[in-house]
Structures are given as structure tokens and as C-alpha cells.
PDB file of N, CA and C in Angstrom:
ATOM      1  N   UNK A   1      22.519 -27.181 -37.618  1.00  0.00           N
ATOM      2  CA  UNK A   1      21.738 -26.425 -36.654  1.00  0.00           C
ATOM      3  C   UNK A   1      21.320 -24.627 -36.710  1.00  0.00           C
ATOM      4  N   UNK A   2      19.869 -24.825 -37.411  1.00  0.00           N
ATOM      5  CA  UNK A   2      19.438 -23.476 -37.737  1.00  0.00           C
ATOM      6  C   UNK A   2      19.572 -22.843 -36.089  1.00  0.00           C
ATOM      7  N   UNK A   3      19.680 -21.087 -37.306  1.00  0.00           N
ATOM      8  CA  UNK A   3      20.282 -19.613 -35.866  1.00  0.00           C
ATOM      9  C   UNK A   3      18.234 -19.440 -35.742  1.00  0.00           C
ATOM     10  N   UNK A   4      18.467 -18.909 -35.127  1.00  0.00           N
ATOM     11  CA  UNK A   4      16.552 -18.302 -34.768  1.00  0.00           C
ATOM     12  C   UNK A   4      16.905 -16.322 -34.421  1.00  0.00           C
ATOM     13  N   UNK A   5      17.627 -16.052 -35.950  1.00  0.00           N
ATOM     14  CA  UNK A   5      17.613 -14.984 -36.429  1.00  0.00           C
ATOM     15  C   UNK A   5      16.043 -13.820 -35.420  1.00  0.00           C
ATOM     16  N   UNK A   6      16.294 -12.772 -35.026  1.00  0.00           N
ATOM     17  CA  UNK A   6      15.105 -11.423 -35.130  1.00  0.00           C
ATOM     18  C   UNK A   6      14.547 -12.414 -33.616  1.00  0.00           C
ATOM     19  N   UNK A   7      14.968 -13.124 -32.476  1.00  0.00           N
ATOM     20  CA  UNK A   7      14.303 -13.626 -31.595  1.00  0.00           C
ATOM     21  C   UNK A   7      14.881 -13.219 -31.020  1.00  0.00           C
ATOM     22  N   UNK A   8      15.530 -12.997 -30.086  1.00  0.00           N
ATOM     23  CA  UNK A   8      16.728 -12.125 -28.050  1.00  0.00           C
ATOM     24  C   UNK A   8      15.711 -12.885 -27.334  1.00  0.00           C
ATOM     25  N   UNK A   9      16.640 -13.496 -26.671  1.00  0.00           N
ATOM     26  CA  UNK A   9      16.163 -14.080 -25.134  1.00  0.00           C
ATOM     27  C   UNK A   9      16.626 -12.175 -24.499  1.00  0.00           C
ATOM     28  N   UNK A  10      15.616 -12.589 -23.628  1.00  0.00           N
ATOM     29  CA  UNK A  10      15.408 -11.573 -23.176  1.00  0.00           C
ATOM     30  C   UNK A  10      17.132 -11.918 -21.746  1.00  0.00           C
ATOM     31  N   UNK A  11      17.433 -10.385 -20.972  1.00  0.00           N
ATOM     32  CA  UNK A  11      18.163 -10.676 -20.974  1.00  0.00           C
ATOM     33  C   UNK A  11      18.368 -10.620 -18.793  1.00  0.00           C
ATOM     34  N   UNK A  12      18.845 -11.377 -18.674  1.00  0.00           N
ATOM     35  CA  UNK A  12      18.861 -11.589 -17.622  1.00  0.00           C
ATOM     36  C   UNK A  12      18.414 -11.008 -16.518  1.00  0.00           C
ATOM     37  N   UNK A  13      18.601  -9.863 -15.510  1.00  0.00           N
ATOM     38  CA  UNK A  13      17.948  -8.571 -14.756  1.00  0.00           C
ATOM     39  C   UNK A  13      17.567  -9.521 -13.396  1.00  0.00           C
ATOM     40  N   UNK A  14      18.894  -8.867 -12.419  1.00  0.00           N
ATOM     41  CA  UNK A  14      18.020  -9.339 -11.304  1.00  0.00           C
ATOM     42  C   UNK A  14      17.026  -8.112 -10.526  1.00  0.00           C
ATOM     43  N   UNK A  15      15.742  -8.472 -10.117  1.00  0.00           N
ATOM     44  CA  UNK A  15      14.921  -8.086 -10.148  1.00  0.00           C
ATOM     45  C   UNK A  15      15.506  -7.396  -8.515  1.00  0.00           C
ATOM     46  N   UNK A  16      15.067  -5.633  -8.172  1.00  0.00           N
ATOM     47  CA  UNK A  16      15.361  -4.823  -7.582  1.00  0.00           C
ATOM     48  C   UNK A  16      14.133  -4.760  -6.678  1.00  0.00           C
ATOM     49  N   UNK A  17      14.367  -4.510  -5.270  1.00  0.00           N
ATOM     50  CA  UNK A  17      13.188  -3.954  -4.325  1.00  0.00           C
ATOM     51  C   UNK A  17      13.326  -3.025  -4.550  1.00  0.00           C
ATOM     52  N   UNK A  18      11.942  -2.444  -4.680  1.00  0.00           N
ATOM     53  CA  UNK A  18      11.857  -1.164  -4.809  1.00  0.00           C
ATOM     54  C   UNK A  18      11.613  -0.103  -3.718  1.00  0.00           C
ATOM     55  N   UNK A  19      10.494  -1.347  -2.692  1.00  0.00           N
ATOM     56  CA  UNK A  19       9.700  -0.980  -1.502  1.00  0.00           C
ATOM     57  C   UNK A  19      10.691  -0.194  -0.565  1.00  0.00           C
ATOM     58  N   UNK A  20      10.330   0.641   0.011  1.00  0.00           N
ATOM     59  CA  UNK A  20      10.974   1.344   1.676  1.00  0.00           C
ATOM     60  C   UNK A  20      11.376  -0.222   2.544  1.00  0.00           C
ATOM     61  N   UNK A  21      12.833   0.147   3.135  1.00  0.00           N
ATOM     62  CA  UNK A  21      12.823  -0.753   3.828  1.00  0.00           C
ATOM     63  C   UNK A  21      11.667  -1.000   5.146  1.00  0.00           C
ATOM     64  N   UNK A  22      10.886   0.394   5.833  1.00  0.00           N
ATOM     65  CA  UNK A  22      10.181  -0.003   6.381  1.00  0.00           C
ATOM     66  C   UNK A  22       8.734   0.713   5.843  1.00  0.00           C
ATOM     67  N   UNK A  23       7.656  -0.248   6.089  1.00  0.00           N
ATOM     68  CA  UNK A  23       6.579   0.007   5.915  1.00  0.00           C
ATOM     69  C   UNK A  23       5.263   1.423   6.704  1.00  0.00           C
ATOM     70  N   UNK A  24       4.747   2.013   6.051  1.00  0.00           N
ATOM     71  CA  UNK A  24       4.704   2.775   7.003  1.00  0.00           C
ATOM     72  C   UNK A  24       3.172   2.418   8.275  1.00  0.00           C
ATOM     73  N   UNK A  25       2.686   1.500   7.131  1.00  0.00           N
ATOM     74  CA  UNK A  25       1.975   0.858   8.730  1.00  0.00           C
ATOM     75  C   UNK A  25       2.963  -0.245   9.734  1.00  0.00           C
ATOM     76  N   UNK A  26       4.768  -0.502   9.796  1.00  0.00           N
ATOM     77  CA  UNK A  26       5.714  -0.785  10.453  1.00  0.00           C
ATOM     78  C   UNK A  26       5.695   0.637  11.850  1.00  0.00           C
ATOM     79  N   UNK A  27       5.958   1.564  10.610  1.00  0.00           N
ATOM     80  CA  UNK A  27       6.313   2.972  11.027  1.00  0.00           C
ATOM     81  C   UNK A  27       5.248   3.777  12.722  1.00  0.00           C
ATOM     82  N   UNK A  28       4.050   4.041  11.439  1.00  0.00           N
ATOM     83  CA  UNK A  28       3.305   3.675  13.009  1.00  0.00           C
ATOM     84  C   UNK A  28       3.000   2.845  13.491  1.00  0.00           C
ATOM     85  N   UNK A  29       3.142   1.697  13.622  1.00  0.00           N
ATOM     86  CA  UNK A  29       2.762   1.146  15.108  1.00  0.00           C
ATOM     87  C   UNK A  29       3.740   1.696  15.670  1.00  0.00           C
ATOM     88  N   UNK A  30       5.130   1.244  15.289  1.00  0.00           N
ATOM     89  CA  UNK A  30       6.821   1.947  16.395  1.00  0.00           C
ATOM     90  C   UNK A  30       6.755   3.653  16.483  1.00  0.00           C
ATOM     91  N   UNK A  31       5.280   4.818  16.362  1.00  0.00           N
ATOM     92  CA  UNK A  31       4.766   5.797  16.749  1.00  0.00           C
ATOM     93  C   UNK A  31       3.345   5.448  17.800  1.00  0.00           C
ATOM     94  N   UNK A  32       2.453   5.089  17.906  1.00  0.00           N
ATOM     95  CA  UNK A  32       2.664   4.679  18.186  1.00  0.00           C
ATOM     96  C   UNK A  32       2.715   4.460  20.369  1.00  0.00           C
ATOM     97  N   UNK A  33       4.173   3.421  20.201  1.00  0.00           N
ATOM     98  CA  UNK A  33       4.901   2.794  21.531  1.00  0.00           C
ATOM     99  C   UNK A  33       5.380   4.314  22.054  1.00  0.00           C
ATOM    100  N   UNK A  34       5.967   5.379  20.643  1.00  0.00           N
ATOM    101  CA  UNK A  34       6.336   6.325  21.553  1.00  0.00           C
ATOM    102  C   UNK A  34       6.050   8.215  21.364  1.00  0.00           C
ATOM    103  N   UNK A  35       5.015   7.956  21.290  1.00  0.00           N
ATOM    104  CA  UNK A  35       3.928   8.719  20.797  1.00  0.00           C
ATOM    105  C   UNK A  35       2.595   8.868  21.136  1.00  0.00           C
ATOM    106  N   UNK A  36       1.513  10.175  21.867  1.00  0.00           N
ATOM    107  CA  UNK A  36       0.679  10.790  22.666  1.00  0.00           C
ATOM    108  C   UNK A  36      -0.644  10.785  21.153  1.00  0.00           C
ATOM    109  N   UNK A  37       0.106  10.855  19.886  1.00  0.00           N
ATOM    110  CA  UNK A  37      -0.620  11.093  18.962  1.00  0.00           C
ATOM    111  C   UNK A  37      -1.536  10.052  17.993  1.00  0.00           C
ATOM    112  N   UNK A  38      -0.462   9.033  17.911  1.00  0.00           N
ATOM    113  CA  UNK A  38      -1.492   7.846  17.607  1.00  0.00           C
ATOM    114  C   UNK A  38      -1.848   6.835  18.173  1.00  0.00           C
ATOM    115  N   UNK A  39      -2.715   6.854  18.819  1.00  0.00           N
ATOM    116  CA  UNK A  39      -3.317   5.431  19.543  1.00  0.00           C
ATOM    117  C   UNK A  39      -3.684   4.475  18.915  1.00  0.00           C
ATOM    118  N   UNK A  40      -3.341   2.928  19.463  1.00  0.00           N
ATOM    119  CA  UNK A  40      -3.715   1.205  18.656  1.00  0.00           C
ATOM    120  C   UNK A  40      -4.556   1.132  19.953  1.00  0.00           C
ATOM    121  N   UNK A  41      -6.045   0.448  19.522  1.00  0.00           N
ATOM    122  CA  UNK A  41      -6.780   0.018  21.115  1.00  0.00           C
ATOM    123  C   UNK A  41      -7.220  -1.177  19.826  1.00  0.00           C
ATOM    124  N   UNK A  42      -7.842  -2.763  19.824  1.00  0.00           N
ATOM    125  CA  UNK A  42      -8.664  -3.661  18.674  1.00  0.00           C
ATOM    126  C   UNK A  42      -9.920  -3.415  18.883  1.00  0.00           C
ATOM    127  N   UNK A  43     -10.607  -2.090  20.029  1.00  0.00           N
ATOM    128  CA  UNK A  43     -12.066  -2.394  19.694  1.00  0.00           C
ATOM    129  C   UNK A  43     -12.482  -0.640  18.518  1.00  0.00           C
ATOM    130  N   UNK A  44     -10.819  -0.233  18.466  1.00  0.00           N
ATOM    131  CA  UNK A  44     -11.278   0.774  17.531  1.00  0.00           C
ATOM    132  C   UNK A  44     -10.690   0.530  15.880  1.00  0.00           C
ATOM    133  N   UNK A  45     -11.377   0.658  15.041  1.00  0.00           N
ATOM    134  CA  UNK A  45     -10.861  -0.183  13.744  1.00  0.00           C
ATOM    135  C   UNK A  45     -10.526  -1.439  13.917  1.00  0.00           C
ATOM    136  N   UNK A  46     -10.605  -2.565  14.876  1.00  0.00           N
ATOM    137  CA  UNK A  46      -9.404  -3.609  14.618  1.00  0.00           C
ATOM    138  C   UNK A  46      -8.810  -2.890  14.479  1.00  0.00           C
ATOM    139  N   UNK A  47      -8.438  -2.205  16.134  1.00  0.00           N
ATOM    140  CA  UNK A  47      -6.576  -2.071  16.246  1.00  0.00           C
ATOM    141  C   UNK A  47      -5.265  -1.731  14.762  1.00  0.00           C
ATOM    142  N   UNK A  48      -6.533  -0.918  14.020  1.00  0.00           N
ATOM    143  CA  UNK A  48      -5.240  -0.216  13.297  1.00  0.00           C
ATOM    144  C   UNK A  48      -5.087   1.404  13.949  1.00  0.00           C
ATOM    145  N   UNK A  49      -3.915   1.515  14.142  1.00  0.00           N
ATOM    146  CA  UNK A  49      -3.340   2.889  14.235  1.00  0.00           C
ATOM    147  C   UNK A  49      -4.365   4.358  14.055  1.00  0.00           C
ATOM    148  N   UNK A  50      -4.522   4.783  14.923  1.00  0.00           N
ATOM    149  CA  UNK A  50      -6.211   6.216  14.539  1.00  0.00           C
ATOM    150  C   UNK A  50      -5.330   7.052  15.299  1.00  0.00           C
ATOM    151  N   UNK A  51      -5.676   8.275  14.886  1.00  0.00           N
ATOM    152  CA  UNK A  51      -4.772   9.781  15.481  1.00  0.00           C
ATOM    153  C   UNK A  51      -5.956   9.598  16.538  1.00  0.00           C
ATOM    154  N   UNK A  52      -5.253  10.378  17.904  1.00  0.00           N
ATOM    155  CA  UNK A  52      -5.635   9.518  19.401  1.00  0.00           C
ATOM    156  C   UNK A  52      -6.672  11.000  19.272  1.00  0.00           C
ATOM    157  N   UNK A  53      -7.306  10.074  19.769  1.00  0.00           N
ATOM    158  CA  UNK A  53      -9.080  10.977  20.304  1.00  0.00           C
ATOM    159  C   UNK A  53     -10.049  10.530  18.705  1.00  0.00           C
ATOM    160  N   UNK A  54      -9.728  10.293  18.150  1.00  0.00           N
ATOM    161  CA  UNK A  54     -10.534   9.612  16.651  1.00  0.00           C
ATOM    162  C   UNK A  54     -10.873   8.541  16.200  1.00  0.00           C
ATOM    163  N   UNK A  55     -11.312   8.401  14.755  1.00  0.00           N
ATOM    164  CA  UNK A  55     -11.392   6.946  14.736  1.00  0.00           C
ATOM    165  C   UNK A  55     -10.670   7.477  13.081  1.00  0.00           C
ATOM    166  N   UNK A  56      -9.941   8.150  12.491  1.00  0.00           N
ATOM    167  CA  UNK A  56      -9.301   8.259  11.834  1.00  0.00           C
ATOM    168  C   UNK A  56      -8.116   7.332  11.264  1.00  0.00           C
ATOM    169  N   UNK A  57      -8.146   6.105  10.506  1.00  0.00           N
ATOM    170  CA  UNK A  57      -6.912   6.114  10.732  1.00  0.00           C
ATOM    171  C   UNK A  57      -5.365   7.073  10.068  1.00  0.00           C
ATOM    172  N   UNK A  58      -4.619   6.473  11.023  1.00  0.00           N
ATOM    173  CA  UNK A  58      -3.101   7.845  10.649  1.00  0.00           C
ATOM    174  C   UNK A  58      -2.716   7.160   9.206  1.00  0.00           C
ATOM    175  N   UNK A  59      -2.563   5.943   8.605  1.00  0.00           N
ATOM    176  CA  UNK A  59      -2.417   6.079   7.638  1.00  0.00           C
ATOM    177  C   UNK A  59      -2.346   6.612   6.682  1.00  0.00           C
ATOM    178  N   UNK A  60      -4.137   7.122   6.600  1.00  0.00           N
ATOM    179  CA  UNK A  60      -4.489   8.166   5.858  1.00  0.00           C
ATOM    180  C   UNK A  60      -4.355   9.806   5.526  1.00  0.00           C
ATOM    181  N   UNK A  61      -3.532   9.579   6.666  1.00  0.00           N
ATOM    182  CA  UNK A  61      -2.300  11.233   5.758  1.00  0.00           C
ATOM    183  C   UNK A  61      -1.141  10.721   5.212  1.00  0.00           C
ATOM    184  N   UNK A  62      -0.562   9.575   5.291  1.00  0.00           N
ATOM    185  CA  UNK A  62      -0.105   9.096   4.315  1.00  0.00           C
ATOM    186  C   UNK A  62      -0.577   9.092   3.074  1.00  0.00           C
ATOM    187  N   UNK A  63      -1.581   8.150   2.858  1.00  0.00           N
ATOM    188  CA  UNK A  63      -1.849   8.037   1.597  1.00  0.00           C
ATOM    189  C   UNK A  63      -2.371   9.104   1.296  1.00  0.00           C
ATOM    190  N   UNK A  64      -2.837  10.733   1.795  1.00  0.00           N
ATOM    191  CA  UNK A  64      -3.195  12.078   1.166  1.00  0.00           C
ATOM    192  C   UNK A  64      -2.506  12.135   0.516  1.00  0.00           C
ATOM    193  N   UNK A  65      -1.269  12.396   1.283  1.00  0.00           N
ATOM    194  CA  UNK A  65      -0.236  12.677   0.673  1.00  0.00           C
ATOM    195  C   UNK A  65       0.660  12.652  -0.617  1.00  0.00           C
ATOM    196  N   UNK A  66       0.585  11.223  -0.078  1.00  0.00           N
ATOM    197  CA  UNK A  66       1.515   9.885  -1.442  1.00  0.00           C
ATOM    198  C   UNK A  66       0.098  10.527  -2.995  1.00  0.00           C
ATOM    199  N   UNK A  67      -1.196  11.005  -3.078  1.00  0.00           N
ATOM    200  CA  UNK A  67      -1.300  11.179  -3.836  1.00  0.00           C
ATOM    201  C   UNK A  67      -1.191  12.328  -4.390  1.00  0.00           C
ATOM    202  N   UNK A  68      -0.722  13.645  -3.373  1.00  0.00           N
ATOM    203  CA  UNK A  68      -0.736  14.896  -4.232  1.00  0.00           C
ATOM    204  C   UNK A  68      -1.463  15.706  -3.122  1.00  0.00           C
ATOM    205  N   UNK A  69      -2.051  15.050  -2.312  1.00  0.00           N
ATOM    206  CA  UNK A  69      -2.804  16.639  -1.277  1.00  0.00           C
ATOM    207  C   UNK A  69      -1.981  17.548  -0.444  1.00  0.00           C
ATOM    208  N   UNK A  70      -2.291  18.175  -0.610  1.00  0.00           N
ATOM    209  CA  UNK A  70      -1.484  18.952   0.794  1.00  0.00           C
ATOM    210  C   UNK A  70      -2.145  18.158   1.973  1.00  0.00           C
ATOM    211  N   UNK A  71      -1.577  18.653   3.595  1.00  0.00           N
ATOM    212  CA  UNK A  71      -2.146  18.848   5.505  1.00  0.00           C
ATOM    213  C   UNK A  71      -2.695  19.550   4.920  1.00  0.00           C
ATOM    214  N   UNK A  72      -3.715  20.459   4.568  1.00  0.00           N
ATOM    215  CA  UNK A  72      -4.796  21.782   4.632  1.00  0.00           C
ATOM    216  C   UNK A  72      -5.874  20.455   3.682  1.00  0.00           C
ATOM    217  N   UNK A  73      -5.586  19.809   1.839  1.00  0.00           N
ATOM    218  CA  UNK A  73      -6.136  19.135   2.382  1.00  0.00           C
ATOM    219  C   UNK A  73      -6.706  17.805   2.659  1.00  0.00           C
ATOM    220  N   UNK A  74      -5.931  17.202   3.225  1.00  0.00           N
ATOM    221  CA  UNK A  74      -6.377  16.057   4.239  1.00  0.00           C
ATOM    222  C   UNK A  74      -7.519  16.759   5.071  1.00  0.00           C
ATOM    223  N   UNK A  75      -6.781  18.277   5.945  1.00  0.00           N
ATOM    224  CA  UNK A  75      -7.477  18.129   6.847  1.00  0.00           C
ATOM    225  C   UNK A  75      -8.515  18.393   6.826  1.00  0.00           C
ATOM    226  N   UNK A  76      -8.973  18.994   5.668  1.00  0.00           N
ATOM    227  CA  UNK A  76     -11.197  19.486   5.251  1.00  0.00           C
ATOM    228  C   UNK A  76     -11.371  18.025   5.548  1.00  0.00           C
ATOM    229  N   UNK A  77     -11.046  17.006   4.721  1.00  0.00           N
ATOM    230  CA  UNK A  77     -11.538  16.102   4.840  1.00  0.00           C
ATOM    231  C   UNK A  77     -11.956  14.582   6.255  1.00  0.00           C
ATOM    232  N   UNK A  78     -10.730  15.856   7.112  1.00  0.00           N
ATOM    233  CA  UNK A  78     -10.816  14.698   8.443  1.00  0.00           C
ATOM    234  C   UNK A  78     -10.592  15.995   9.097  1.00  0.00           C
ATOM    235  N   UNK A  79     -11.452  16.575   9.537  1.00  0.00           N
ATOM    236  CA  UNK A  79     -11.933  17.686  10.382  1.00  0.00           C
ATOM    237  C   UNK A  79     -11.574  18.108  11.967  1.00  0.00           C
ATOM    238  N   UNK A  80     -11.636  16.387  12.776  1.00  0.00           N
ATOM    239  CA  UNK A  80     -11.088  15.565  13.912  1.00  0.00           C
ATOM    240  C   UNK A  80     -10.353  15.544  14.390  1.00  0.00           C
ATOM    241  N   UNK A  81      -9.421  15.969  12.971  1.00  0.00           N
ATOM    242  CA  UNK A  81      -7.754  15.878  13.512  1.00  0.00           C
ATOM    243  C   UNK A  81      -7.701  17.036  13.673  1.00  0.00           C
ATOM    244  N   UNK A  82      -6.627  17.363  14.569  1.00  0.00           N
ATOM    245  CA  UNK A  82      -5.750  19.173  14.432  1.00  0.00           C
ATOM    246  C   UNK A  82      -5.005  18.798  13.839  1.00  0.00           C
ATOM    247  N   UNK A  83      -4.475  20.080  13.216  1.00  0.00           N
ATOM    248  CA  UNK A  83      -2.901  19.971  11.734  1.00  0.00           C
ATOM    249  C   UNK A  83      -1.841  19.702  13.415  1.00  0.00           C
ATOM    250  N   UNK A  84      -2.043  19.925  14.426  1.00  0.00           N
ATOM    251  CA  UNK A  84      -0.507  19.896  15.362  1.00  0.00           C
ATOM    252  C   UNK A  84      -0.555  19.234  15.849  1.00  0.00           C
ATOM    253  N   UNK A  85      -1.440  17.326  15.365  1.00  0.00           N
ATOM    254  CA  UNK A  85      -1.986  15.864  15.668  1.00  0.00           C
ATOM    255  C   UNK A  85      -1.232  15.812  13.883  1.00  0.00           C
ATOM    256  N   UNK A  86      -1.203  16.023  13.307  1.00  0.00           N
ATOM    257  CA  UNK A  86       0.194  15.975  12.315  1.00  0.00           C
ATOM    258  C   UNK A  86       1.328  15.955  11.694  1.00  0.00           C
ATOM    259  N   UNK A  87       1.529  17.388  12.586  1.00  0.00           N
ATOM    260  CA  UNK A  87       2.606  17.228  12.570  1.00  0.00           C
ATOM    261  C   UNK A  87       3.304  16.985  12.828  1.00  0.00           C
ATOM    262  N   UNK A  88       3.028  15.944  14.464  1.00  0.00           N
ATOM    263  CA  UNK A  88       3.336  15.514  15.263  1.00  0.00           C
ATOM    264  C   UNK A  88       4.135  14.200  14.740  1.00  0.00           C
ATOM    265  N   UNK A  89       2.825  13.944  14.000  1.00  0.00           N
ATOM    266  CA  UNK A  89       3.246  12.420  13.317  1.00  0.00           C
ATOM    267  C   UNK A  89       4.200  12.809  12.102  1.00  0.00           C
ATOM    268  N   UNK A  90       4.581  13.335  11.750  1.00  0.00           N
ATOM    269  CA  UNK A  90       5.319  13.613  10.971  1.00  0.00           C
ATOM    270  C   UNK A  90       6.298  13.749  11.232  1.00  0.00           C
ATOM    271  N   UNK A  91       6.941  14.816  12.271  1.00  0.00           N
ATOM    272  CA  UNK A  91       8.057  14.390  12.797  1.00  0.00           C
ATOM    273  C   UNK A  91       8.877  13.310  14.142  1.00  0.00           C
ATOM    274  N   UNK A  92       7.038  13.116  14.022  1.00  0.00           N
ATOM    275  CA  UNK A  92       7.444  11.039  15.279  1.00  0.00           C
ATOM    276  C   UNK A  92       8.196  10.297  13.831  1.00  0.00           C
ATOM    277  N   UNK A  93       7.364  10.345  13.305  1.00  0.00           N
ATOM    278  CA  UNK A  93       7.930   9.762  11.742  1.00  0.00           C
ATOM    279  C   UNK A  93       9.102   9.458  11.192  1.00  0.00           C
ATOM    280  N   UNK A  94       9.611  10.722  10.708  1.00  0.00           N
ATOM    281  CA  UNK A  94      10.555  11.282  10.763  1.00  0.00           C
ATOM    282  C   UNK A  94      11.899  10.391  11.204  1.00  0.00           C
ATOM    283  N   UNK A  95      11.675  10.422  13.042  1.00  0.00           N
ATOM    284  CA  UNK A  95      12.940  10.651  13.301  1.00  0.00           C
ATOM    285  C   UNK A  95      12.469   9.725  13.753  1.00  0.00           C
ATOM    286  N   UNK A  96      11.706   8.126  14.146  1.00  0.00           N
ATOM    287  CA  UNK A  96      12.053   6.930  13.700  1.00  0.00           C
ATOM    288  C   UNK A  96      12.599   6.368  12.266  1.00  0.00           C
ATOM    289  N   UNK A  97      12.150   6.899  11.825  1.00  0.00           N
ATOM    290  CA  UNK A  97      13.358   6.330  10.206  1.00  0.00           C
ATOM    291  C   UNK A  97      15.033   6.807   9.773  1.00  0.00           C
ATOM    292  N   UNK A  98      14.778   7.918  10.572  1.00  0.00           N
ATOM    293  CA  UNK A  98      16.364   8.323  11.181  1.00  0.00           C
ATOM    294  C   UNK A  98      17.287   7.326  11.818  1.00  0.00           C
ATOM    295  N   UNK A  99      16.630   7.012  12.998  1.00  0.00           N
ATOM    296  CA  UNK A  99      17.393   6.253  13.973  1.00  0.00           C
ATOM    297  C   UNK A  99      17.209   5.152  13.041  1.00  0.00           C
ATOM    298  N   UNK A 100      16.636   4.240  12.348  1.00  0.00           N
ATOM    299  CA  UNK A 100      16.704   3.183  11.712  1.00  0.00           C
ATOM    300  C   UNK A 100      18.039   3.370  11.056  1.00  0.00           C
ATOM    301  N   UNK A 101      18.056   4.731  10.950  1.00  0.00           N
ATOM    302  CA  UNK A 101      19.446   4.104   9.075  1.00  0.00           C
ATOM    303  C   UNK A 101      20.598   3.884   9.901  1.00  0.00           C
TER     304      UNK A 101
END
């Protein structure tokens, strides 16, 4: 029997799931239940969690921060959102994530 030299079988590594335990969307839905900063209504953006009093999706804050934008840059792009709302959302989200540990 002839050996296949130079051809190696791929190592059998177990695939790791590197996603966070709780998604941003899940955390935002929880925040809606415990905070007045984010609201959710079926008639507003199809029920997507938004900053209270606006039509700005709360997830957009996390998208901007993940992309490297500062809070100030986010607020410039969404003037209807108040800085206090952003800080409260981040604090509420942090508290929920830490409580889930």
C-alpha cells in the first residue's frame, strides 16, 4: 500500500462557540422589563426595543460602540436620544449581564 506523502489530514478540533452567552437583543428585551429608558411596542419599528420617546433602536447604540464610535458620536447622529438615556441603558445592561453570571 502506498502512503500519501505531503498530504495531511486536517486535525480534528472541536468548534468553539465564541458568541456571548446572552445576545444584545436578548439583553435589550430584558431591559425593557426593568427600565423606562428602553420601550417596546408592536406599532413602533415592529416591536424592536427603542430609546423611550424616540424611534431610535436601542441596538444601534451597541452597533456604534462595537464599530468604535464614541457615545458622543452616537449622540450626534441621533439627537433625539439623551446622554442620560445612553448611560442608563449601559448601566442597566451591565447589571443584567452581571446578574446572569
